[in-house]
Amino acid sequence: MIRGWTAVIVFTTLAVVMMVGLNVRMWRRMKAATAAAKAEAEREEREAVETGQNPTPRSA
């Protein structure tokens, strides 16, 4: 059985590893969602130009 400071170090290390993994997963999801939104906006803008409609202005 792990006792004392060794247990503190082990459990803290495990918690840090889990939090880093969670943050990486969330960052990848956010990155994918942002890319999908940009692609959809570009597609809508392209369709508006092709049909002769005025594309909606978007902020930079």
C-alpha atoms as a PDB file:
ATOM      1  CA  MET A   1       0.000   0.000   0.000  1.00  0.00           C
ATOM      2  CA  ILE A   2       1.244   3.468  -0.898  1.00  0.00           C
ATOM      3  CA  ARG A   3       1.447   5.832   2.074  1.00  0.00           C
ATOM      4  CA  GLY A   4       2.406   9.369   2.913  1.00  0.00           C
ATOM      5  CA  TRP A   5       4.064  11.696   0.441  1.00  0.00           C
ATOM      6  CA  THR A   6       4.406   8.960  -2.149  1.00  0.00           C
ATOM      7  CA  ALA A   7       0.611   8.661  -2.306  1.00  0.00           C
ATOM      8  CA  VAL A   8       0.246  12.429  -2.611  1.00  0.00           C
ATOM      9  CA  ILE A   9       2.718  12.526  -5.495  1.00  0.00           C
ATOM     10  CA  VAL A  10       1.119   9.552  -7.272  1.00  0.00           C
ATOM     11  CA  PHE A  11      -2.440  10.856  -6.984  1.00  0.00           C
ATOM     12  CA  THR A  12      -1.441  14.395  -7.944  1.00  0.00           C
ATOM     13  CA  THR A  13       0.394  13.081 -11.001  1.00  0.00           C
ATOM     14  CA  LEU A  14      -2.619  11.017 -12.039  1.00  0.00           C
ATOM     15  CA  ALA A  15      -4.916  14.023 -11.617  1.00  0.00           C
ATOM     16  CA  VAL A  16      -2.617  16.235 -13.705  1.00  0.00           C
ATOM     17  CA  VAL A  17      -2.393  13.624 -16.475  1.00  0.00           C
ATOM     18  CA  MET A  18      -6.182  13.274 -16.557  1.00  0.00           C
ATOM     19  CA  MET A  19      -6.708  17.050 -16.679  1.00  0.00           C
ATOM     20  CA  VAL A  20      -4.173  17.482 -19.485  1.00  0.00           C
ATOM     21  CA  GLY A  21      -5.887  14.718 -21.461  1.00  0.00           C
ATOM     22  CA  LEU A  22      -9.278  16.348 -20.933  1.00  0.00           C
ATOM     23  CA  ASN A  23      -7.978  19.756 -22.017  1.00  0.00           C
ATOM     24  CA  VAL A  24      -6.393  18.311 -25.163  1.00  0.00           C
ATOM     25  CA  ARG A  25      -9.634  16.550 -26.069  1.00  0.00           C
ATOM     26  CA  MET A  26     -11.669  19.726 -25.521  1.00  0.00           C
ATOM     27  CA  TRP A  27      -9.181  21.797 -27.548  1.00  0.00           C
ATOM     28  CA  ARG A  28      -9.390  19.363 -30.469  1.00  0.00           C
ATOM     29  CA  ARG A  29     -13.204  19.467 -30.360  1.00  0.00           C
ATOM     30  CA  MET A  30     -13.194  23.259 -30.309  1.00  0.00           C
ATOM     31  CA  LYS A  31     -10.728  23.394 -33.199  1.00  0.00           C
ATOM     32  CA  ALA A  32     -12.872  21.020 -35.285  1.00  0.00           C
ATOM     33  CA  ALA A  33     -16.046  22.983 -34.527  1.00  0.00           C
ATOM     34  CA  THR A  34     -14.365  26.256 -35.503  1.00  0.00           C
ATOM     35  CA  ALA A  35     -13.107  24.785 -38.775  1.00  0.00           C
ATOM     36  CA  ALA A  36     -16.573  23.416 -39.579  1.00  0.00           C
ATOM     37  CA  ALA A  37     -18.204  26.785 -38.871  1.00  0.00           C
ATOM     38  CA  LYS A  38     -15.702  28.602 -41.090  1.00  0.00           C
ATOM     39  CA  ALA A  39     -16.241  26.119 -43.918  1.00  0.00           C
ATOM     40  CA  GLU A  40     -20.015  26.507 -43.660  1.00  0.00           C
ATOM     41  CA  ALA A  41     -19.769  30.310 -43.662  1.00  0.00           C
ATOM     42  CA  GLU A  42     -17.536  30.244 -46.743  1.00  0.00           C
ATOM     43  CA  ARG A  43     -19.933  27.862 -48.496  1.00  0.00           C
ATOM     44  CA  GLU A  44     -22.920  30.099 -47.727  1.00  0.00           C
ATOM     45  CA  GLU A  45     -21.035  33.164 -48.925  1.00  0.00           C
ATOM     46  CA  ARG A  46     -20.018  31.414 -52.135  1.00  0.00           C
ATOM     47  CA  GLU A  47     -23.616  30.300 -52.779  1.00  0.00           C
ATOM     48  CA  ALA A  48     -24.865  33.848 -52.185  1.00  0.00           C
ATOM     49  CA  VAL A  49     -22.379  35.241 -54.699  1.00  0.00           C
ATOM     50  CA  GLU A  50     -23.281  32.583 -57.283  1.00  0.00           C
ATOM     51  CA  THR A  51     -26.997  33.315 -56.990  1.00  0.00           C
ATOM     52  CA  GLY A  52     -26.421  37.067 -57.128  1.00  0.00           C
ATOM     53  CA  GLN A  53     -27.574  37.764 -53.598  1.00  0.00           C
ATOM     54  CA  ASN A  54     -25.776  40.232 -51.388  1.00  0.00           C
ATOM     55  CA  PRO A  55     -23.607  38.193 -48.981  1.00  0.00           C
ATOM     56  CA  THR A  56     -24.130  38.996 -45.346  1.00  0.00           C
ATOM     57  CA  PRO A  57     -21.318  41.150 -43.943  1.00  0.00           C
ATOM     58  CA  ARG A  58     -19.283  39.521 -41.232  1.00  0.00           C
ATOM     59  CA  SER A  59     -16.870  40.962 -38.757  1.00  0.00           C
ATOM     60  CA  ALA A  60     -13.162  40.240 -38.973  1.00  0.00           C
END
